[in-house]
Protein backbone atom coordinates (compact mmCIF):
# COMPACT_ATOMS: atom_id res chain seq x y z
CA UNK A 1 -35.08 11.84 -5.46
CA UNK A 2 -32.81 13.17 -8.32
CA UNK A 3 -32.76 16.58 -6.81
CA UNK A 4 -31.62 15.17 -3.42
CA UNK A 5 -28.89 13.07 -5.11
CA UNK A 6 -27.66 16.04 -7.02
CA UNK A 7 -27.49 18.26 -3.86
CA UNK A 8 -25.52 15.63 -2.03
CA UNK A 9 -23.04 15.18 -4.98
CA UNK A 10 -22.47 19.09 -5.03
CA UNK A 11 -21.63 19.08 -1.34
CA UNK A 12 -19.30 16.08 -1.80
CA UNK A 13 -17.53 17.83 -4.65
CA UNK A 14 -17.18 21.08 -2.52
CA UNK A 15 -15.92 19.14 0.44
CA UNK A 16 -13.48 16.88 -1.37
CA UNK A 17 -12.24 18.61 -4.41
CA UNK A 18 -11.72 22.19 -2.96
CA UNK A 19 -9.17 20.91 -0.42
CA UNK A 20 -7.31 19.28 -3.27
CA UNK A 21 -7.35 22.41 -5.34
CA UNK A 22 -6.15 24.44 -2.33
CA UNK A 23 -3.20 21.99 -1.70
CA UNK A 24 -2.29 22.22 -5.36
CA UNK A 25 -2.18 25.94 -5.32
CA UNK A 26 -0.44 26.05 -2.00
CA UNK A 27 2.23 23.64 -3.20
CA UNK A 28 2.98 25.98 -6.18
CA UNK A 29 3.13 29.09 -3.99
CA UNK A 30 5.23 27.47 -1.37
CA UNK A 31 7.80 26.07 -3.91
CA UNK A 32 10.56 28.43 -2.75
CA UNK A 33 10.08 27.42 0.79
CA UNK A 34 10.02 23.79 -0.04
CA UNK A 35 13.31 24.42 -2.03
CA UNK A 36 15.02 25.75 1.07
CA UNK A 37 13.82 22.92 3.26
CA UNK A 38 14.80 20.20 0.75
CA UNK A 39 18.06 22.04 -0.07
CA UNK A 40 18.97 21.92 3.66
CA UNK A 41 18.05 18.21 3.81
CA UNK A 42 20.34 17.48 0.90
CA UNK A 43 23.09 19.62 2.46
CA UNK A 44 22.82 17.57 5.56
CA UNK A 45 23.15 14.44 3.50
CA UNK A 46 26.17 15.82 1.67
CA UNK A 47 27.74 16.74 4.97
CA UNK A 48 27.25 13.20 6.25
CA UNK A 49 29.17 11.88 3.17
CA UNK A 50 31.93 14.33 3.67
CA UNK A 51 31.97 13.39 7.41
CA UNK A 52 32.33 9.68 6.50
CA UNK A 53 35.35 10.41 4.20
CA UNK A 54 37.03 12.53 6.83
CA UNK A 55 36.45 9.78 9.47
CA UNK A 56 37.84 7.31 7.10
CA UNK A 57 41.12 9.25 6.64
CA UNK A 58 41.38 9.71 10.34
CA UNK A 59 40.91 6.06 10.93
CA UNK A 60 43.71 5.23 8.44
CA UNK A 61 46.21 7.50 10.18
CA UNK A 62 45.04 6.35 13.50
CA UNK A 63 45.79 2.68 12.48
CA UNK A 64 49.20 3.81 11.34
CA UNK A 65 49.84 5.47 14.75
CA UNK A 66 49.03 2.08 16.39
CA UNK A 67 51.36 0.32 13.91
CA UNK A 68 54.09 2.90 14.74
CA UNK A 69 53.81 2.48 18.43
CA UNK A 70 54.19 -1.30 18.01
CA UNK A 71 57.04 -0.83 15.65
CA UNK A 72 58.91 1.67 18.01
CA UNK A 73 58.51 -0.75 20.95
CA UNK A 74 60.18 -3.58 18.83
CA UNK A 75 63.08 -1.62 17.30
CA UNK A 76 65.51 -1.84 20.30
CA UNK A 77 65.18 -5.68 19.93
CA UNK A 78 66.48 -5.73 16.31
CA UNK A 79 69.94 -6.57 15.33
CA UNK A 80 71.91 -3.79 13.64
CA UNK A 81 71.95 -5.83 10.43
CA UNK A 82 68.25 -6.16 10.39
CA UNK A 83 67.29 -2.67 11.24
CA UNK A 84 67.50 -1.09 7.74
CA UNK A 85 65.50 -3.84 6.00
CA UNK A 86 62.89 -3.85 8.69
CA UNK A 87 62.44 0.03 8.44
CA UNK A 88 62.04 -0.13 4.64
CA UNK A 89 59.41 -2.78 5.00
CA UNK A 90 57.72 -0.78 7.65
CA UNK A 91 57.42 2.29 5.38
CA UNK A 92 56.32 0.32 2.44
CA UNK A 93 53.23 -0.71 4.21
CA UNK A 94 52.19 2.87 4.75
CA UNK A 95 52.27 4.68 1.35
CA UNK A 96 52.68 8.49 1.48
CA UNK A 97 54.33 8.35 4.94
CA UNK A 98 57.71 10.16 4.67
CA UNK A 99 59.17 9.72 8.08
CA UNK A 100 58.36 9.05 11.74
CA UNK A 101 60.15 11.04 14.48
CA UNK A 102 60.06 10.65 18.22
CA UNK A 103 60.88 13.17 20.98
CA UNK A 104 60.95 12.57 24.70
CA UNK A 105 59.67 16.09 25.42
CA UNK A 106 58.96 19.54 23.84
CA UNK A 107 62.50 20.69 24.42
CA UNK A 108 64.18 17.49 23.45
CA UNK A 109 67.17 18.51 21.29
CA UNK A 110 68.01 14.94 20.09
CA UNK A 111 64.99 14.10 17.92
CA UNK A 112 64.93 10.38 16.99
CA UNK A 113 64.21 9.85 13.20
CA UNK A 114 63.09 6.61 11.62
CA UNK A 115 64.25 6.20 8.12
CA UNK A 116 64.84 8.76 5.21
CA UNK A 117 62.86 9.51 2.21
CA UNK A 118 64.57 8.82 -1.12
CA UNK A 119 63.89 12.29 -2.65
CA UNK A 120 61.80 14.19 -0.04
CA UNK A 121 62.93 17.82 0.58
CA UNK A 122 61.99 17.64 4.20
CA UNK A 123 64.86 15.33 5.04
CA UNK A 124 67.36 16.77 2.62
CA UNK A 125 68.76 18.99 5.34
CA UNK A 126 71.38 17.49 7.62
CA UNK A 127 70.29 15.94 10.83
CA UNK A 128 71.18 18.87 13.02
CA UNK A 129 69.03 21.32 10.84
CA UNK A 130 66.14 18.78 10.88
CA UNK A 131 66.47 18.23 14.64
CA UNK A 132 66.32 22.03 15.10
CA UNK A 133 63.38 22.48 12.80
CA UNK A 134 61.31 19.77 14.46
CA UNK A 135 62.29 21.12 17.95
CA UNK A 136 61.07 24.60 16.80
CA UNK A 137 57.75 23.20 15.57
CA UNK A 138 57.14 21.38 18.95
CA UNK A 139 58.01 24.65 20.88
CA UNK A 140 55.87 26.68 18.57
CA UNK A 141 52.88 24.26 19.17
CA UNK A 142 53.58 23.49 22.72
CA UNK A 143 50.03 24.32 23.64
CA UNK A 144 48.80 21.62 21.34
CA UNK A 145 51.44 19.07 22.72
CA UNK A 146 50.26 19.79 26.21
CA UNK A 147 46.69 19.05 25.27
CA UNK A 148 47.79 15.77 23.67
CA UNK A 149 49.46 14.92 26.92
CA UNK A 150 46.25 15.66 28.77
CA UNK A 151 44.21 13.34 26.42
CA UNK A 152 46.80 10.55 26.94
CA UNK A 153 46.56 10.93 30.73
CA UNK A 154 42.72 10.55 30.41
CA UNK A 155 43.30 7.23 28.34
CA UNK A 156 42.52 8.81 24.97
CA UNK A 157 45.06 9.00 22.20
CA UNK A 158 44.38 11.79 19.79
CA UNK A 159 46.12 12.86 16.57
CA UNK A 160 46.45 16.48 15.77
CA UNK A 161 47.82 18.11 12.67
CA UNK A 162 50.65 20.83 13.25
CA UNK A 163 50.69 24.13 11.44
CA UNK A 164 53.76 24.55 9.37
CA UNK A 165 55.17 27.31 7.15
CA UNK A 166 54.78 25.20 4.10
CA UNK A 167 53.22 21.91 3.03
CA UNK A 168 55.77 21.23 0.29
CA UNK A 169 57.70 18.95 2.66
CA UNK A 170 54.60 17.26 3.85
CA UNK A 171 52.11 17.66 6.70
CA UNK A 172 52.90 16.68 10.23
CA UNK A 173 50.65 14.94 12.68
CA UNK A 174 51.44 14.47 16.34
CA UNK A 175 50.25 12.05 18.98
CA UNK A 176 51.51 10.88 22.40
CA UNK A 177 52.33 7.17 23.11
CA UNK A 178 53.21 5.43 26.33
CA UNK A 179 56.56 3.46 26.27
CA UNK A 180 56.95 0.00 27.71
CA UNK A 181 58.83 1.70 30.63
CA UNK A 182 55.69 3.68 31.50
CA UNK A 183 56.79 7.13 30.22
CA UNK A 184 55.14 9.14 27.42
CA UNK A 185 56.89 10.16 24.16
CA UNK A 186 55.93 12.57 21.46
CA UNK A 187 55.47 10.82 18.18
CA UNK A 188 55.11 12.49 14.75
CA UNK A 189 54.20 11.37 11.18
CA UNK A 190 55.23 13.40 8.12
CA UNK A 191 52.78 12.55 5.35
CA UNK A 192 52.52 13.90 1.79
CA UNK A 193 48.84 14.86 1.44
CA UNK A 194 48.79 14.51 -2.41
CA UNK A 195 50.41 11.07 -2.16
CA UNK A 196 47.87 10.13 0.59
CA UNK A 197 45.07 11.36 -1.65
CA UNK A 198 46.17 9.36 -4.75
CA UNK A 199 46.86 6.10 -2.83
CA UNK A 200 44.77 5.92 0.30
CA UNK A 201 41.62 8.14 -0.27
CA UNK A 202 41.11 7.65 -4.00
CA UNK A 203 39.38 4.12 -3.57
CA UNK A 204 37.26 5.39 -0.85
CA UNK A 205 36.12 8.46 -2.79
CA UNK A 206 35.13 6.15 -5.76
CA UNK A 207 33.34 3.81 -3.36
CA UNK A 208 31.22 6.58 -1.73
CA UNK A 209 30.63 8.72 -4.90
CA UNK A 210 29.64 5.68 -7.35
CA UNK A 211 27.69 7.36 -10.15
CA UNK A 212 25.74 9.96 -7.96
CA UNK A 213 28.42 12.34 -6.73
CA UNK A 214 31.76 13.89 -7.62
CA UNK A 215 33.97 13.99 -4.51
CA UNK A 216 37.11 16.12 -4.55
CA UNK A 217 40.18 16.74 -2.45
CA UNK A 218 41.69 20.16 -3.24
CA UNK A 219 44.07 22.92 -2.28
CA UNK A 220 43.19 26.16 -3.93
CA UNK A 221 46.50 27.76 -2.99
CA UNK A 222 48.51 25.02 -4.83
CA UNK A 223 45.87 24.92 -7.54
CA UNK A 224 45.44 21.12 -6.69
CA UNK A 225 42.28 19.17 -7.09
CA UNK A 226 41.93 15.42 -7.31
CA UNK A 227 38.45 14.07 -8.14
CA UNK A 228 36.71 10.82 -7.50
CA UNK A 229 36.43 10.43 -11.21
CA UNK A 230 40.28 9.94 -11.13
CA UNK A 231 41.06 13.22 -12.90
CA UNK A 232 42.56 16.54 -11.81
CA UNK A 233 40.11 18.88 -13.38
CA UNK A 234 39.73 22.04 -11.23
CA UNK A 235 36.07 22.95 -10.81
CA UNK A 236 33.61 24.41 -8.27
CA UNK A 237 32.14 22.05 -5.52
CA UNK A 238 28.66 22.50 -4.12
CA UNK A 239 29.81 21.88 -0.58
CA UNK A 240 33.06 21.41 1.14
CA UNK A 241 34.72 20.65 4.58
CA UNK A 242 38.39 20.92 5.75
CA UNK A 243 40.15 17.65 5.72
CA UNK A 244 40.83 17.01 9.37
CA UNK A 245 44.22 15.46 9.09
CA UNK A 246 45.49 18.05 6.58
CA UNK A 247 43.93 21.47 7.46
CA UNK A 248 45.36 23.16 4.29
CA UNK A 249 43.34 20.74 2.13
CA UNK A 250 39.57 20.53 1.73
CA UNK A 251 37.18 17.83 0.74
CA UNK A 252 34.21 18.85 -1.54
CA UNK A 253 31.22 17.15 -3.00
CA UNK A 254 28.88 17.81 -5.96
CA UNK A 255 25.93 15.98 -7.44
CA UNK A 256 26.49 14.43 -10.74
CA UNK A 257 24.30 15.70 -13.58
CA UNK A 258 21.89 17.55 -11.34
CA UNK A 259 22.19 20.46 -8.85
CA UNK A 260 20.29 20.52 -5.54
CA UNK A 261 18.07 23.19 -7.18
CA UNK A 262 17.27 20.73 -10.12
CA UNK A 263 16.35 18.11 -7.61
CA UNK A 264 14.12 20.42 -5.60
CA UNK A 265 12.30 21.57 -8.72
CA UNK A 266 11.88 17.99 -9.80
CA UNK A 267 10.61 16.98 -6.35
CA UNK A 268 8.08 19.87 -6.38
CA UNK A 269 6.83 18.82 -9.81
CA UNK A 270 6.48 15.32 -8.57
CA UNK A 271 4.39 16.55 -5.56
CA UNK A 272 2.16 18.40 -7.87
CA UNK A 273 1.64 15.39 -10.03
CA UNK A 274 0.91 13.24 -7.00
CA UNK A 275 -1.75 15.76 -5.92
CA UNK A 276 -3.20 15.82 -9.32
CA UNK A 277 -3.41 12.05 -9.13
CA UNK A 278 -5.00 12.31 -5.68
CA UNK A 279 -7.51 14.72 -7.06
CA UNK A 280 -8.41 12.16 -9.75
CA UNK A 281 -8.81 9.56 -7.04
CA UNK A 282 -11.02 11.83 -5.11
CA UNK A 283 -13.06 12.48 -8.14
CA UNK A 284 -13.38 8.84 -8.55
CA UNK A 285 -14.35 8.50 -4.97
CA UNK A 286 -16.99 11.11 -5.31
CA UNK A 287 -18.39 9.12 -8.27
CA UNK A 288 -18.41 5.92 -6.25
CA UNK A 289 -20.07 7.69 -3.39
CA UNK A 290 -22.57 9.14 -5.86
CA UNK A 291 -23.33 5.64 -7.15
CA UNK A 292 -23.82 4.38 -3.60
CA UNK A 293 -25.92 7.19 -2.50
CA UNK A 294 -28.11 6.94 -5.63
CA UNK A 295 -28.46 3.23 -5.00
CA UNK A 296 -29.43 3.88 -1.43
CA UNK A 297 -31.95 6.44 -2.39
CA UNK A 298 -33.41 4.06 -4.84
CA UNK A 299 -33.50 1.37 -2.13
CA UNK A 300 -35.33 3.75 0.09
CA UNK A 301 -37.80 4.62 -2.74
CA UNK A 302 -38.23 0.84 -3.37
CA UNK A 303 -38.81 0.33 0.44
CA UNK A 304 -41.26 3.02 0.45
CA UNK A 305 -43.08 1.52 -2.53
CA UNK A 306 -42.92 -1.90 -0.83
CA UNK A 307 -44.59 -0.51 2.31
CA UNK A 308 -47.24 1.00 0.13
CA UNK A 309 -47.80 -2.14 -1.88
CA UNK A 310 -47.85 -4.43 1.12
CA UNK A 311 -50.27 -1.99 2.90
CA UNK A 312 -52.59 -2.19 -0.09
CA UNK A 313 -52.10 -6.06 -0.31
CA UNK A 314 -53.02 -6.37 3.28
CA UNK A 315 -55.89 -3.91 3.18
CA UNK A 316 -57.60 -5.55 0.27
CA UNK A 317 -58.09 -9.07 1.71
CA UNK A 318 -58.82 -7.57 5.19
CA UNK A 319 -61.56 -5.32 3.60
CA UNK A 320 -63.15 -8.20 1.74
CA UNK A 321 -63.00 -10.47 4.78
CA UNK A 322 -64.52 -7.79 7.00
CA UNK A 323 -67.30 -6.96 4.45
CA UNK A 324 -68.34 -10.54 3.80
CA UNK A 325 -68.09 -11.82 7.33
CA UNK A 326 -70.29 -8.58 8.43
CA UNK A 327 -72.81 -9.49 5.77
CA UNK A 328 -72.91 -13.09 6.97
CA UNK A 329 -73.14 -11.98 10.55
CA UNK A 330 -76.11 -9.79 9.93
CA UNK A 331 -77.90 -12.75 8.19
CA UNK A 332 -78.55 -10.88 5.08
CA UNK A 333 -77.76 -13.80 2.78
CA UNK A 334 -80.77 -16.17 2.56
CA UNK A 335 -79.49 -18.91 0.19
CA UNK A 336 -76.99 -21.48 1.17
CA UNK A 337 -75.29 -21.34 -2.25
CA UNK A 338 -74.54 -17.64 -1.72
CA UNK A 339 -73.31 -18.27 1.83
CA UNK A 340 -70.96 -20.94 0.49
CA UNK A 341 -69.57 -18.43 -2.09
CA UNK A 342 -68.98 -15.77 0.68
CA UNK A 343 -67.31 -18.52 2.86
CA UNK A 344 -64.99 -19.31 -0.13
CA UNK A 345 -64.08 -15.76 -0.73
CA UNK A 346 -63.29 -15.23 3.04
CA UNK A 347 -61.20 -18.40 2.94
CA UNK A 348 -59.29 -17.45 -0.21
CA UNK A 349 -58.56 -13.87 1.11
CA UNK A 350 -57.45 -15.32 4.42
CA UNK A 351 -55.06 -17.64 2.64
CA UNK A 352 -53.94 -14.85 0.51
CA UNK A 353 -53.34 -12.65 3.69
CA UNK A 354 -51.49 -15.59 5.41
CA UNK A 355 -49.26 -16.05 2.36
CA UNK A 356 -48.25 -12.37 2.28
CA UNK A 357 -47.48 -12.40 5.99
CA UNK A 358 -45.54 -15.68 5.77
CA UNK A 359 -43.54 -14.25 2.79
CA UNK A 360 -42.57 -11.14 4.80
CA UNK A 361 -41.66 -13.32 7.89
CA UNK A 362 -39.57 -15.78 5.81
CA UNK A 363 -37.78 -12.96 4.08
CA UNK A 364 -36.93 -11.41 7.48
CA UNK A 365 -35.59 -14.69 8.90
CA UNK A 366 -33.39 -15.10 5.72
CA UNK A 367 -31.98 -11.68 5.75
CA UNK A 368 -31.13 -12.04 9.38
CA UNK A 369 -29.61 -15.54 8.75
CA UNK A 370 -31.97 -17.23 11.20
CA UNK A 371 -33.79 -19.49 8.84
CA UNK A 372 -33.07 -23.16 9.59
CA UNK A 373 -32.83 -25.56 6.75
CA UNK A 374 -33.52 -29.28 7.01
CA UNK A 375 -31.36 -30.96 4.34
CA UNK A 376 -32.53 -34.57 3.55
CA UNK A 377 -31.98 -36.95 0.64
CA UNK A 378 -34.76 -36.25 -1.87
CA UNK A 379 -35.88 -36.71 -5.41
CA UNK A 380 -36.12 -33.24 -7.12
CA UNK A 381 -38.72 -34.63 -9.48
CA UNK A 382 -41.09 -35.41 -6.56
CA UNK A 383 -40.70 -31.88 -5.30
CA UNK A 384 -41.54 -30.43 -8.70
CA UNK A 385 -44.36 -32.89 -9.24
CA UNK A 386 -46.00 -31.92 -5.78
CA UNK A 387 -45.96 -28.23 -6.85
CA UNK A 388 -47.39 -29.14 -10.23
CA UNK A 389 -50.26 -31.04 -8.71
CA UNK A 390 -51.08 -28.42 -6.23
CA UNK A 391 -51.31 -25.69 -8.79
CA UNK A 392 -52.56 -27.64 -11.84
CA UNK A 393 -56.39 -27.39 -11.24
CA UNK A 394 -56.15 -23.71 -9.91
CA UNK A 395 -54.15 -22.58 -13.05
CA UNK A 396 -56.32 -24.45 -15.47
CA UNK A 397 -59.37 -22.81 -13.91
CA UNK A 398 -57.66 -19.42 -14.80
CA UNK A 399 -57.17 -20.52 -18.53
CA UNK A 400 -53.47 -21.44 -18.20
CA UNK A 401 -51.88 -24.39 -20.05
CA UNK A 402 -49.73 -25.90 -17.12
CA UNK A 403 -47.08 -28.61 -18.09
CA UNK A 404 -44.23 -30.57 -16.46
CA UNK A 405 -41.41 -32.22 -18.18
CA UNK A 406 -39.22 -34.39 -15.91
CA UNK A 407 -35.85 -36.05 -16.27
CA UNK A 408 -36.14 -39.41 -14.68
CA UNK A 409 -32.38 -39.85 -14.52
CA UNK A 410 -31.84 -37.27 -11.82
CA UNK A 411 -30.27 -39.01 -8.81
CA UNK A 412 -31.22 -38.36 -5.16
CA UNK A 413 -29.77 -35.10 -3.80
CA UNK A 414 -29.63 -33.41 -0.55
CA UNK A 415 -32.05 -30.43 -0.27
CA UNK A 416 -34.57 -28.77 2.00
CA UNK A 417 -37.71 -29.88 0.25
CA UNK A 418 -39.96 -27.28 1.83
CA UNK A 419 -37.46 -24.56 0.94
CA UNK A 420 -37.10 -25.69 -2.67
CA UNK A 421 -40.75 -26.11 -3.13
CA UNK A 422 -41.27 -22.61 -1.91
CA UNK A 423 -38.75 -21.30 -4.46
CA UNK A 424 -40.64 -23.13 -7.37
CA UNK A 425 -43.92 -21.71 -6.07
CA UNK A 426 -42.65 -18.24 -6.03
CA UNK A 427 -41.42 -18.71 -9.71
CA UNK A 428 -44.85 -20.13 -10.67
CA UNK A 429 -46.62 -17.28 -9.01
CA UNK A 430 -44.51 -14.77 -10.83
CA UNK A 431 -45.25 -16.50 -14.17
CA UNK A 432 -48.92 -16.34 -13.46
CA UNK A 433 -48.77 -12.61 -12.58
CA UNK A 434 -46.95 -11.55 -15.61
CA UNK A 435 -48.66 -13.73 -18.23
CA UNK A 436 -51.43 -11.87 -20.09
CA UNK A 437 -51.81 -13.02 -23.65
CA UNK A 438 -50.21 -16.48 -23.89
CA UNK A 439 -50.94 -18.29 -20.74
CA UNK A 440 -48.41 -21.18 -20.96
CA UNK A 441 -46.24 -22.23 -17.91
CA UNK A 442 -43.96 -25.29 -17.97
CA UNK A 443 -42.00 -26.82 -15.20
CA UNK A 444 -38.92 -28.75 -16.44
CA UNK A 445 -36.32 -30.83 -14.49
CA UNK A 446 -32.97 -32.09 -15.73
CA UNK A 447 -29.16 -32.20 -15.16
CA UNK A 448 -26.45 -29.83 -16.31
CA UNK A 449 -22.77 -30.38 -15.49
CA UNK A 450 -22.63 -31.20 -11.89
CA UNK A 451 -26.00 -29.70 -11.04
CA UNK A 452 -29.66 -30.95 -11.06
CA UNK A 453 -32.01 -28.26 -12.15
CA UNK A 454 -35.70 -27.23 -12.01
CA UNK A 455 -36.86 -24.68 -14.51
CA UNK A 456 -39.96 -22.62 -14.80
CA UNK A 457 -40.73 -21.16 -18.20
CA UNK A 458 -43.54 -18.76 -19.17
CA UNK A 459 -44.65 -16.76 -22.28
CA UNK A 460 -45.32 -13.62 -20.41
CA UNK A 461 -44.13 -10.07 -20.61
CA UNK A 462 -40.49 -10.77 -20.11
CA UNK A 463 -37.78 -8.78 -18.38
CA UNK A 464 -35.50 -6.19 -19.99
CA UNK A 465 -31.84 -6.82 -19.93
CA UNK A 466 -31.01 -3.94 -17.66
CA UNK A 467 -33.62 -5.19 -15.02
CA UNK A 468 -32.51 -8.84 -15.22
CA UNK A 469 -29.52 -7.91 -13.07
CA UNK A 470 -31.71 -6.31 -10.30
CA UNK A 471 -34.76 -8.63 -10.19
CA UNK A 472 -33.27 -10.64 -7.28
CA UNK A 473 -32.64 -7.63 -5.18
CA UNK A 474 -34.92 -7.12 -2.32
CA UNK A 475 -38.10 -4.95 -2.86
CA UNK A 476 -37.13 -4.46 -6.50
CA UNK A 477 -40.09 -4.44 -9.06
CA UNK A 478 -39.72 -3.87 -12.72
CA UNK A 479 -40.79 -0.32 -13.39
CA UNK A 480 -41.85 -0.74 -17.12
CA UNK A 481 -45.13 -2.03 -18.54
CA UNK A 482 -48.27 -2.88 -16.49
CA UNK A 483 -46.25 -4.07 -13.52
CA UNK A 484 -47.99 -1.54 -11.13
CA UNK A 485 -51.32 -3.23 -11.96
CA UNK A 486 -49.95 -6.46 -10.64
CA UNK A 487 -50.09 -7.19 -6.92
CA UNK A 488 -46.86 -8.08 -5.09
CA UNK A 489 -44.41 -7.27 -2.56
CA UNK A 490 -41.14 -7.38 -4.54
CA UNK A 491 -39.81 -10.23 -2.19
CA UNK A 492 -40.51 -13.45 -4.17
CA UNK A 493 -37.29 -13.52 -6.23
CA UNK A 494 -35.24 -12.29 -3.37
CA UNK A 495 -36.47 -15.22 -1.29
CA UNK A 496 -35.71 -17.68 -4.12
CA UNK A 497 -32.18 -16.36 -4.23
CA UNK A 498 -31.72 -16.87 -0.48
CA UNK A 499 -32.87 -20.40 -0.80
CA UNK A 500 -30.66 -21.41 -3.67
CA UNK A 501 -27.62 -19.64 -2.13
CA UNK A 502 -28.19 -21.77 1.03
CA UNK A 503 -28.06 -24.79 -1.12
CA UNK A 504 -24.84 -23.67 -2.68
CA UNK A 505 -26.53 -23.67 -5.99
CA UNK A 506 -27.06 -20.82 -8.59
CA UNK A 507 -29.78 -19.18 -10.71
CA UNK A 508 -29.90 -18.72 -14.41
CA UNK A 509 -32.24 -16.24 -16.11
CA UNK A 510 -33.14 -16.04 -19.74
CA UNK A 511 -35.72 -13.51 -20.76
CA UNK A 512 -36.91 -11.32 -23.70
CA UNK A 513 -39.38 -8.61 -23.41
CA UNK A 514 -42.78 -9.66 -24.66
CA UNK A 515 -41.58 -13.22 -25.32
CA UNK A 516 -41.30 -14.58 -21.67
CA UNK A 517 -38.84 -15.73 -19.14
CA UNK A 518 -37.06 -18.79 -18.06
CA UNK A 519 -35.72 -19.26 -14.59
CA UNK A 520 -33.49 -22.11 -13.88
CA UNK A 521 -32.63 -23.22 -10.34
CA UNK A 522 -29.35 -25.25 -10.29
CA UNK A 523 -28.76 -27.52 -7.22
CA UNK A 524 -25.42 -29.38 -6.66
CA UNK A 525 -25.48 -33.19 -7.28
CA UNK A 526 -22.85 -33.61 -4.45
CA UNK A 527 -24.26 -33.57 -0.81
CA UNK A 528 -24.83 -30.13 0.44
């Protein structure tokens, strides 16, 4: 048996642990490949963050464009005295916006300007020079302007940045708007990128970055860099994208405290630790499987012993019945006294055979859950008294001292009298089988907490502590001492447990080797 169990355990270890070892080694060897995959994943995440900032900046200037459109439609309705104050209020709502200009066409020589910057260089030239400069930008970027007209005709307003010789005077964005008269006009915004970064993008950068990232807006040619940490420290970024509305500026992002490589290494280490933990769990699983297999093998061995014991138990009475009945049939016995002795032996062996068969059948019904119980209101003392009377003469003939001690205060309880009687009989039978030197058996009744109990005590060989946990298992027989010289099937105590469980009761066992055992069956006082 042990050899079979060891062989199975070795196979399980090979099947379960080798894959775990393989995965661990493979994880270490594929670390670089994992780094590339995870790095790509992080890069995609950083790209998504940069995209969200770009989208935010475009949404801001797009909302400005809508506001400019509404403002331009309302300017002709203003009185001359109101125009200056309204324009100042208009610009104050859009920080970093220098000026708005409007042209009817690419070749429009009379560019309409809305407001002047207080100190901006872009508008320091006179009106004619400014008009000419904007007109030249429109002509230079007429392909872009035509695309914007196409977008507008399709019902889509798009803002596009214009390439200029310098950004010192601000960056220019163009879009097309439809006038109340149904015509289209070219509208432009001159925005200071740095001012836009400080006043508009800064809160958004801090919101997105939190404590995990450092997001920067920078222009390397101008040695300008503004960080989400609200400083201007120029440094390298891990990833960057062009700022859509300001092509000469970029937006970059870096992880705070750790690089992507650090995170990849940390993730790989975590994976190895998890695989190690998995290996430990698998080892634990192997151990549990080993215990279960060992238990099943033991049960198989016990079943084998059970079949052997029952076969012997059946064969012995059958042989005696056959032998004595054949002797009587052949009329070899001449005296009536001897005949009566033989008839008595045949009757005893038949009863013994019937008892073995009934025990097996009862156990089979119990295990299949098919045994029916007839619960009636009964006196536990009466049930115990009936067992005592039935066995008293028989046990005294075998040299036993058989006693009963009853607690007369036990009330009526609901039990199956036949089943409880069978449980007590099984305990008494066990006491008889395993009592050699001091042949004393006591049946005792009483109450304990919310239970009535019947107890069978003997002074026999006792049960070791390790076996006390197993004696109620089916087919189990104590392996120590002279147990193999004792006839039995190993089902008696299992049947007792089934009966008491059906009554929602419990069993207590107190036993000491060579000093005896005490089995207490506790039955609930409340109705079952």
